[in-house]
């Protein structure tokens, strides 16, 4: 069973990935010239550092699935 602080840690992972993507977008000339949303870059960073590829971070799929679907709906509105 996960504690409440585990969910706070998951949210911090999102902020870290967004910050890494923002820095990568600002400092790299390749990403300055093409239009790539920061959130998409952060998603690819999280996917590559997640448990499926490198395994640096462990994620709870039951936490992120509803979170992503709700935020996609809010972003669409």
PDB file of N, CA and C in Angstrom:
ATOM      1  N   UNK A   1       0.844  -1.183   0.000  1.00  0.00           N
ATOM      2  CA  UNK A   1       0.000   0.000   0.000  1.00  0.00           C
ATOM      3  C   UNK A   1       0.882   1.237   0.000  1.00  0.00           C
ATOM      4  N   UNK A   2       0.563   2.183  -0.833  1.00  0.00           N
ATOM      5  CA  UNK A   2       1.351   3.409  -0.912  1.00  0.00           C
ATOM      6  C   UNK A   2       0.892   4.412   0.126  1.00  0.00           C
ATOM      7  N   UNK A   3       1.822   5.189   0.617  1.00  0.00           N
ATOM      8  CA  UNK A   3       1.468   6.244   1.552  1.00  0.00           C
ATOM      9  C   UNK A   3       1.077   7.497   0.776  1.00  0.00           C
ATOM     10  N   UNK A   4       0.586   8.487   1.469  1.00  0.00           N
ATOM     11  CA  UNK A   4       0.185   9.733   0.810  1.00  0.00           C
ATOM     12  C   UNK A   4       1.392  10.474   0.249  1.00  0.00           C
ATOM     13  N   UNK A   5       2.534  10.319   0.861  1.00  0.00           N
ATOM     14  CA  UNK A   5       3.720  11.000   0.374  1.00  0.00           C
ATOM     15  C   UNK A   5       4.222  10.427  -0.941  1.00  0.00           C
ATOM     16  N   UNK A   6       3.869   9.204  -1.222  1.00  0.00           N
ATOM     17  CA  UNK A   6       4.252   8.598  -2.496  1.00  0.00           C
ATOM     18  C   UNK A   6       3.597   9.348  -3.653  1.00  0.00           C
ATOM     19  N   UNK A   7       2.351   9.776  -3.471  1.00  0.00           N
ATOM     20  CA  UNK A   7       1.666  10.536  -4.512  1.00  0.00           C
ATOM     21  C   UNK A   7       2.277  11.919  -4.697  1.00  0.00           C
ATOM     22  N   UNK A   8       2.730  12.506  -3.617  1.00  0.00           N
ATOM     23  CA  UNK A   8       3.434  13.793  -3.720  1.00  0.00           C
ATOM     24  C   UNK A   8       4.731  13.613  -4.500  1.00  0.00           C
ATOM     25  N   UNK A   9       5.396  12.512  -4.283  1.00  0.00           N
ATOM     26  CA  UNK A   9       6.619  12.204  -5.017  1.00  0.00           C
ATOM     27  C   UNK A   9       6.335  12.026  -6.506  1.00  0.00           C
ATOM     28  N   UNK A  10       5.210  11.402  -6.850  1.00  0.00           N
ATOM     29  CA  UNK A  10       4.830  11.246  -8.256  1.00  0.00           C
ATOM     30  C   UNK A  10       4.588  12.597  -8.927  1.00  0.00           C
ATOM     31  N   UNK A  11       3.957  13.508  -8.208  1.00  0.00           N
ATOM     32  CA  UNK A  11       3.735  14.860  -8.743  1.00  0.00           C
ATOM     33  C   UNK A  11       5.061  15.584  -8.904  1.00  0.00           C
ATOM     34  N   UNK A  12       5.985  15.386  -7.979  1.00  0.00           N
ATOM     35  CA  UNK A  12       7.316  15.993  -8.100  1.00  0.00           C
ATOM     36  C   UNK A  12       8.053  15.452  -9.320  1.00  0.00           C
ATOM     37  N   UNK A  13       7.867  14.180  -9.642  1.00  0.00           N
ATOM     38  CA  UNK A  13       8.453  13.627 -10.867  1.00  0.00           C
ATOM     39  C   UNK A  13       7.956  14.377 -12.097  1.00  0.00           C
ATOM     40  N   UNK A  14       6.676  14.680 -12.123  1.00  0.00           N
ATOM     41  CA  UNK A  14       6.118  15.422 -13.253  1.00  0.00           C
ATOM     42  C   UNK A  14       6.776  16.783 -13.363  1.00  0.00           C
ATOM     43  N   UNK A  15       6.932  17.478 -12.244  1.00  0.00           N
ATOM     44  CA  UNK A  15       7.571  18.795 -12.264  1.00  0.00           C
ATOM     45  C   UNK A  15       9.034  18.706 -12.694  1.00  0.00           C
ATOM     46  N   UNK A  16       9.726  17.672 -12.258  1.00  0.00           N
ATOM     47  CA  UNK A  16      11.133  17.496 -12.642  1.00  0.00           C
ATOM     48  C   UNK A  16      11.248  17.247 -14.141  1.00  0.00           C
ATOM     49  N   UNK A  17      10.371  16.404 -14.679  1.00  0.00           N
ATOM     50  CA  UNK A  17      10.409  16.128 -16.114  1.00  0.00           C
ATOM     51  C   UNK A  17      10.058  17.368 -16.932  1.00  0.00           C
ATOM     52  N   UNK A  18       9.106  18.155 -16.449  1.00  0.00           N
ATOM     53  CA  UNK A  18       8.756  19.391 -17.151  1.00  0.00           C
ATOM     54  C   UNK A  18       9.917  20.387 -17.117  1.00  0.00           C
ATOM     55  N   UNK A  19      10.602  20.457 -15.986  1.00  0.00           N
ATOM     56  CA  UNK A  19      11.745  21.360 -15.872  1.00  0.00           C
ATOM     57  C   UNK A  19      12.889  20.917 -16.783  1.00  0.00           C
ATOM     58  N   UNK A  20      13.139  19.610 -16.823  1.00  0.00           N
ATOM     59  CA  UNK A  20      14.186  19.101 -17.707  1.00  0.00           C
ATOM     60  C   UNK A  20      13.852  19.379 -19.171  1.00  0.00           C
ATOM     61  N   UNK A  21      12.600  19.219 -19.548  1.00  0.00           N
ATOM     62  CA  UNK A  21      12.188  19.480 -20.924  1.00  0.00           C
ATOM     63  C   UNK A  21      12.292  20.965 -21.249  1.00  0.00           C
ATOM     64  N   UNK A  22      11.943  21.818 -20.311  1.00  0.00           N
ATOM     65  CA  UNK A  22      12.044  23.274 -20.522  1.00  0.00           C
ATOM     66  C   UNK A  22      13.497  23.687 -20.714  1.00  0.00           C
ATOM     67  N   UNK A  23      14.382  23.167 -19.879  1.00  0.00           N
ATOM     68  CA  UNK A  23      15.801  23.480 -20.040  1.00  0.00           C
ATOM     69  C   UNK A  23      16.348  22.950 -21.362  1.00  0.00           C
ATOM     70  N   UNK A  24      15.958  21.748 -21.719  1.00  0.00           N
ATOM     71  CA  UNK A  24      16.409  21.158 -22.967  1.00  0.00           C
ATOM     72  C   UNK A  24      15.914  21.963 -24.162  1.00  0.00           C
ATOM     73  N   UNK A  25      14.705  22.455 -24.073  1.00  0.00           N
ATOM     74  CA  UNK A  25      14.127  23.239 -25.161  1.00  0.00           C
ATOM     75  C   UNK A  25      14.795  24.612 -25.281  1.00  0.00           C
ATOM     76  N   UNK A  26      15.145  25.217 -24.163  1.00  0.00           N
ATOM     77  CA  UNK A  26      15.769  26.540 -24.195  1.00  0.00           C
ATOM     78  C   UNK A  26      17.242  26.489 -24.575  1.00  0.00           C
ATOM     79  N   UNK A  27      17.951  25.458 -24.156  1.00  0.00           N
ATOM     80  CA  UNK A  27      19.399  25.417 -24.334  1.00  0.00           C
ATOM     81  C   UNK A  27      19.849  24.721 -25.613  1.00  0.00           C
ATOM     82  N   UNK A  28      18.998  23.883 -26.189  1.00  0.00           N
ATOM     83  CA  UNK A  28      19.388  23.124 -27.377  1.00  0.00           C
ATOM     84  C   UNK A  28      18.873  23.833 -28.620  1.00  0.00           C
ATOM     85  N   UNK A  29      19.754  24.041 -29.570  1.00  0.00           N
ATOM     86  CA  UNK A  29      19.383  24.729 -30.797  1.00  0.00           C
ATOM     87  C   UNK A  29      18.415  23.950 -31.659  1.00  0.00           C
ATOM     88  N   UNK A  30      18.492  22.622 -31.609  1.00  0.00           N
ATOM     89  CA  UNK A  30      17.606  21.789 -32.418  1.00  0.00           C
ATOM     90  C   UNK A  30      16.147  21.964 -32.000  1.00  0.00           C
ATOM     91  N   UNK A  31      15.891  21.985 -30.704  1.00  0.00           N
ATOM     92  CA  UNK A  31      14.517  22.104 -30.224  1.00  0.00           C
ATOM     93  C   UNK A  31      14.013  23.539 -30.276  1.00  0.00           C
ATOM     94  N   UNK A  32      14.902  24.509 -30.413  1.00  0.00           N
ATOM     95  CA  UNK A  32      14.461  25.886 -30.616  1.00  0.00           C
ATOM     96  C   UNK A  32      13.887  26.075 -32.009  1.00  0.00           C
ATOM     97  N   UNK A  33      14.459  25.363 -32.982  1.00  0.00           N
ATOM     98  CA  UNK A  33      14.060  25.576 -34.368  1.00  0.00           C
ATOM     99  C   UNK A  33      12.769  24.842 -34.740  1.00  0.00           C
ATOM    100  N   UNK A  34      12.426  23.746 -34.049  1.00  0.00           N
ATOM    101  CA  UNK A  34      11.188  23.040 -34.351  1.00  0.00           C
ATOM    102  C   UNK A  34      10.186  23.281 -33.228  1.00  0.00           C
ATOM    103  N   UNK A  35       8.923  23.120 -33.571  1.00  0.00           N
ATOM    104  CA  UNK A  35       7.871  23.358 -32.590  1.00  0.00           C
ATOM    105  C   UNK A  35       7.506  22.031 -31.929  1.00  0.00           C
ATOM    106  N   UNK A  36       7.953  21.863 -30.709  1.00  0.00           N
ATOM    107  CA  UNK A  36       7.633  20.686 -29.908  1.00  0.00           C
ATOM    108  C   UNK A  36       7.134  21.192 -28.562  1.00  0.00           C
ATOM    109  N   UNK A  37       5.925  20.793 -28.153  1.00  0.00           N
ATOM    110  CA  UNK A  37       5.444  21.226 -26.840  1.00  0.00           C
ATOM    111  C   UNK A  37       6.322  20.689 -25.715  1.00  0.00           C
ATOM    112  N   UNK A  38       6.480  21.487 -24.697  1.00  0.00           N
ATOM    113  CA  UNK A  38       7.290  21.097 -23.552  1.00  0.00           C
ATOM    114  C   UNK A  38       6.701  19.873 -22.854  1.00  0.00           C
ATOM    115  N   UNK A  39       5.391  19.810 -22.799  1.00  0.00           N
ATOM    116  CA  UNK A  39       4.756  18.670 -22.136  1.00  0.00           C
ATOM    117  C   UNK A  39       5.008  17.370 -22.899  1.00  0.00           C
ATOM    118  N   UNK A  40       5.073  17.436 -24.221  1.00  0.00           N
ATOM    119  CA  UNK A  40       5.366  16.243 -25.003  1.00  0.00           C
ATOM    120  C   UNK A  40       6.805  15.785 -24.775  1.00  0.00           C
ATOM    121  N   UNK A  41       7.718  16.734 -24.724  1.00  0.00           N
ATOM    122  CA  UNK A  41       9.118  16.390 -24.434  1.00  0.00           C
ATOM    123  C   UNK A  41       9.245  15.802 -23.036  1.00  0.00           C
ATOM    124  N   UNK A  42       8.522  16.371 -22.073  1.00  0.00           N
ATOM    125  CA  UNK A  42       8.563  15.849 -20.704  1.00  0.00           C
ATOM    126  C   UNK A  42       8.001  14.428 -20.653  1.00  0.00           C
ATOM    127  N   UNK A  43       6.985  14.160 -21.437  1.00  0.00           N
ATOM    128  CA  UNK A  43       6.431  12.818 -21.493  1.00  0.00           C
ATOM    129  C   UNK A  43       7.427  11.810 -22.033  1.00  0.00           C
ATOM    130  N   UNK A  44       8.160  12.193 -23.071  1.00  0.00           N
ATOM    131  CA  UNK A  44       9.170  11.293 -23.614  1.00  0.00           C
ATOM    132  C   UNK A  44      10.336  11.103 -22.640  1.00  0.00           C
ATOM    133  N   UNK A  45      10.691  12.153 -21.909  1.00  0.00           N
ATOM    134  CA  UNK A  45      11.740  12.013 -20.895  1.00  0.00           C
ATOM    135  C   UNK A  45      11.275  11.060 -19.797  1.00  0.00           C
ATOM    136  N   UNK A  46      10.035  11.241 -19.344  1.00  0.00           N
ATOM    137  CA  UNK A  46       9.490  10.346 -18.323  1.00  0.00           C
ATOM    138  C   UNK A  46       9.360   8.920 -18.804  1.00  0.00           C
ATOM    139  N   UNK A  47       9.003   8.759 -20.074  1.00  0.00           N
ATOM    140  CA  UNK A  47       8.892   7.415 -20.632  1.00  0.00           C
ATOM    141  C   UNK A  47      10.250   6.743 -20.720  1.00  0.00           C
ATOM    142  N   UNK A  48      11.259   7.512 -21.106  1.00  0.00           N
ATOM    143  CA  UNK A  48      12.593   6.920 -21.243  1.00  0.00           C
ATOM    144  C   UNK A  48      13.250   6.651 -19.887  1.00  0.00           C
ATOM    145  N   UNK A  49      12.960   7.456 -18.879  1.00  0.00           N
ATOM    146  CA  UNK A  49      13.541   7.234 -17.555  1.00  0.00           C
ATOM    147  C   UNK A  49      12.687   6.339 -16.673  1.00  0.00           C
ATOM    148  N   UNK A  50      11.515   5.971 -17.148  1.00  0.00           N
ATOM    149  CA  UNK A  50      10.582   5.165 -16.371  1.00  0.00           C
ATOM    150  C   UNK A  50      10.977   3.702 -16.298  1.00  0.00           C
ATOM    151  N   UNK A  51      10.090   2.906 -15.741  1.00  0.00           N
ATOM    152  CA  UNK A  51      10.430   1.495 -15.501  1.00  0.00           C
ATOM    153  C   UNK A  51      10.519   0.648 -16.768  1.00  0.00           C
ATOM    154  N   UNK A  52       9.959   1.102 -17.873  1.00  0.00           N
ATOM    155  CA  UNK A  52       9.957   0.302 -19.097  1.00  0.00           C
ATOM    156  C   UNK A  52      11.288   0.330 -19.835  1.00  0.00           C
ATOM    157  N   UNK A  53      12.028   1.455 -19.771  1.00  0.00           N
ATOM    158  CA  UNK A  53      13.257   1.579 -20.557  1.00  0.00           C
ATOM    159  C   UNK A  53      14.480   1.519 -19.649  1.00  0.00           C
ATOM    160  N   UNK A  54      14.757   2.593 -18.923  1.00  0.00           N
ATOM    161  CA  UNK A  54      15.959   2.647 -18.089  1.00  0.00           C
ATOM    162  C   UNK A  54      15.678   2.133 -16.674  1.00  0.00           C
ATOM    163  N   UNK A  55      14.511   2.429 -16.139  1.00  0.00           N
ATOM    164  CA  UNK A  55      14.154   1.959 -14.808  1.00  0.00           C
ATOM    165  C   UNK A  55      14.664   2.837 -13.693  1.00  0.00           C
ATOM    166  N   UNK A  56      14.929   4.102 -13.992  1.00  0.00           N
ATOM    167  CA  UNK A  56      15.438   5.012 -12.969  1.00  0.00           C
ATOM    168  C   UNK A  56      14.344   5.424 -11.987  1.00  0.00           C
ATOM    169  N   UNK A  57      13.119   5.609 -12.486  1.00  0.00           N
ATOM    170  CA  UNK A  57      11.981   5.990 -11.658  1.00  0.00           C
ATOM    171  C   UNK A  57      10.924   4.901 -11.734  1.00  0.00           C
ATOM    172  N   UNK A  58      10.262   4.659 -10.623  1.00  0.00           N
ATOM    173  CA  UNK A  58       9.163   3.696 -10.581  1.00  0.00           C
ATOM    174  C   UNK A  58       7.848   4.459 -10.496  1.00  0.00           C
ATOM    175  N   UNK A  59       6.912   4.133 -11.386  1.00  0.00           N
ATOM    176  CA  UNK A  59       5.643   4.828 -11.448  1.00  0.00           C
ATOM    177  C   UNK A  59       4.507   3.890 -11.100  1.00  0.00           C
ATOM    178  N   UNK A  60       3.430   4.462 -10.606  1.00  0.00           N
ATOM    179  CA  UNK A  60       2.206   3.722 -10.338  1.00  0.00           C
ATOM    180  C   UNK A  60       1.235   3.999 -11.478  1.00  0.00           C
ATOM    181  N   UNK A  61       0.959   2.992 -12.286  1.00  0.00           N
ATOM    182  CA  UNK A  61       0.087   3.171 -13.450  1.00  0.00           C
ATOM    183  C   UNK A  61      -1.332   3.529 -13.029  1.00  0.00           C
ATOM    184  N   UNK A  62      -1.780   3.053 -11.883  1.00  0.00           N
ATOM    185  CA  UNK A  62      -3.136   3.346 -11.424  1.00  0.00           C
ATOM    186  C   UNK A  62      -3.270   4.795 -10.977  1.00  0.00           C
ATOM    187  N   UNK A  63      -2.172   5.461 -10.711  1.00  0.00           N
ATOM    188  CA  UNK A  63      -2.215   6.876 -10.343  1.00  0.00           C
ATOM    189  C   UNK A  63      -2.146   7.765 -11.584  1.00  0.00           C
ATOM    190  N   UNK A  64      -1.266   7.441 -12.522  1.00  0.00           N
ATOM    191  CA  UNK A  64      -1.040   8.316 -13.667  1.00  0.00           C
ATOM    192  C   UNK A  64      -2.107   8.210 -14.749  1.00  0.00           C
ATOM    193  N   UNK A  65      -2.746   7.069 -14.913  1.00  0.00           N
ATOM    194  CA  UNK A  65      -3.744   6.918 -15.976  1.00  0.00           C
ATOM    195  C   UNK A  65      -4.929   7.864 -15.802  1.00  0.00           C
ATOM    196  N   UNK A  66      -5.580   7.915 -14.642  1.00  0.00           N
ATOM    197  CA  UNK A  66      -6.676   8.882 -14.484  1.00  0.00           C
ATOM    198  C   UNK A  66      -6.184  10.328 -14.495  1.00  0.00           C
ATOM    199  N   UNK A  67      -4.993  10.555 -13.982  1.00  0.00           N
ATOM    200  CA  UNK A  67      -4.458  11.908 -13.948  1.00  0.00           C
ATOM    201  C   UNK A  67      -4.242  12.445 -15.356  1.00  0.00           C
ATOM    202  N   UNK A  68      -3.663  11.629 -16.220  1.00  0.00           N
ATOM    203  CA  UNK A  68      -3.415  12.050 -17.597  1.00  0.00           C
ATOM    204  C   UNK A  68      -4.725  12.260 -18.341  1.00  0.00           C
ATOM    205  N   UNK A  69      -5.671  11.358 -18.169  1.00  0.00           N
ATOM    206  CA  UNK A  69      -6.938  11.502 -18.895  1.00  0.00           C
ATOM    207  C   UNK A  69      -7.716  12.733 -18.437  1.00  0.00           C
ATOM    208  N   UNK A  70      -7.691  13.049 -17.156  1.00  0.00           N
ATOM    209  CA  UNK A  70      -8.387  14.234 -16.671  1.00  0.00           C
ATOM    210  C   UNK A  70      -7.704  15.513 -17.150  1.00  0.00           C
ATOM    211  N   UNK A  71      -6.368  15.545 -17.107  1.00  0.00           N
ATOM    212  CA  UNK A  71      -5.676  16.751 -17.554  1.00  0.00           C
ATOM    213  C   UNK A  71      -5.775  16.944 -19.061  1.00  0.00           C
ATOM    214  N   UNK A  72      -5.887  15.847 -19.826  1.00  0.00           N
ATOM    215  CA  UNK A  72      -6.111  15.998 -21.263  1.00  0.00           C
ATOM    216  C   UNK A  72      -7.477  16.607 -21.528  1.00  0.00           C
ATOM    217  N   UNK A  73      -8.483  16.216 -20.748  1.00  0.00           N
ATOM    218  CA  UNK A  73      -9.811  16.820 -20.886  1.00  0.00           C
ATOM    219  C   UNK A  73      -9.811  18.282 -20.495  1.00  0.00           C
ATOM    220  N   UNK A  74      -9.119  18.627 -19.428  1.00  0.00           N
ATOM    221  CA  UNK A  74      -9.028  20.028 -19.010  1.00  0.00           C
ATOM    222  C   UNK A  74      -8.282  20.840 -20.049  1.00  0.00           C
ATOM    223  N   UNK A  75      -7.224  20.286 -20.614  1.00  0.00           N
ATOM    224  CA  UNK A  75      -6.476  20.991 -21.652  1.00  0.00           C
ATOM    225  C   UNK A  75      -7.286  21.180 -22.919  1.00  0.00           C
ATOM    226  N   UNK A  76      -8.148  20.232 -23.230  1.00  0.00           N
ATOM    227  CA  UNK A  76      -9.000  20.360 -24.408  1.00  0.00           C
ATOM    228  C   UNK A  76     -10.033  21.461 -24.230  1.00  0.00           C
ATOM    229  N   UNK A  77     -10.585  21.570 -23.026  1.00  0.00           N
ATOM    230  CA  UNK A  77     -11.600  22.593 -22.754  1.00  0.00           C
ATOM    231  C   UNK A  77     -10.963  23.961 -22.813  1.00  0.00           C
TER     232      UNK A  77
END
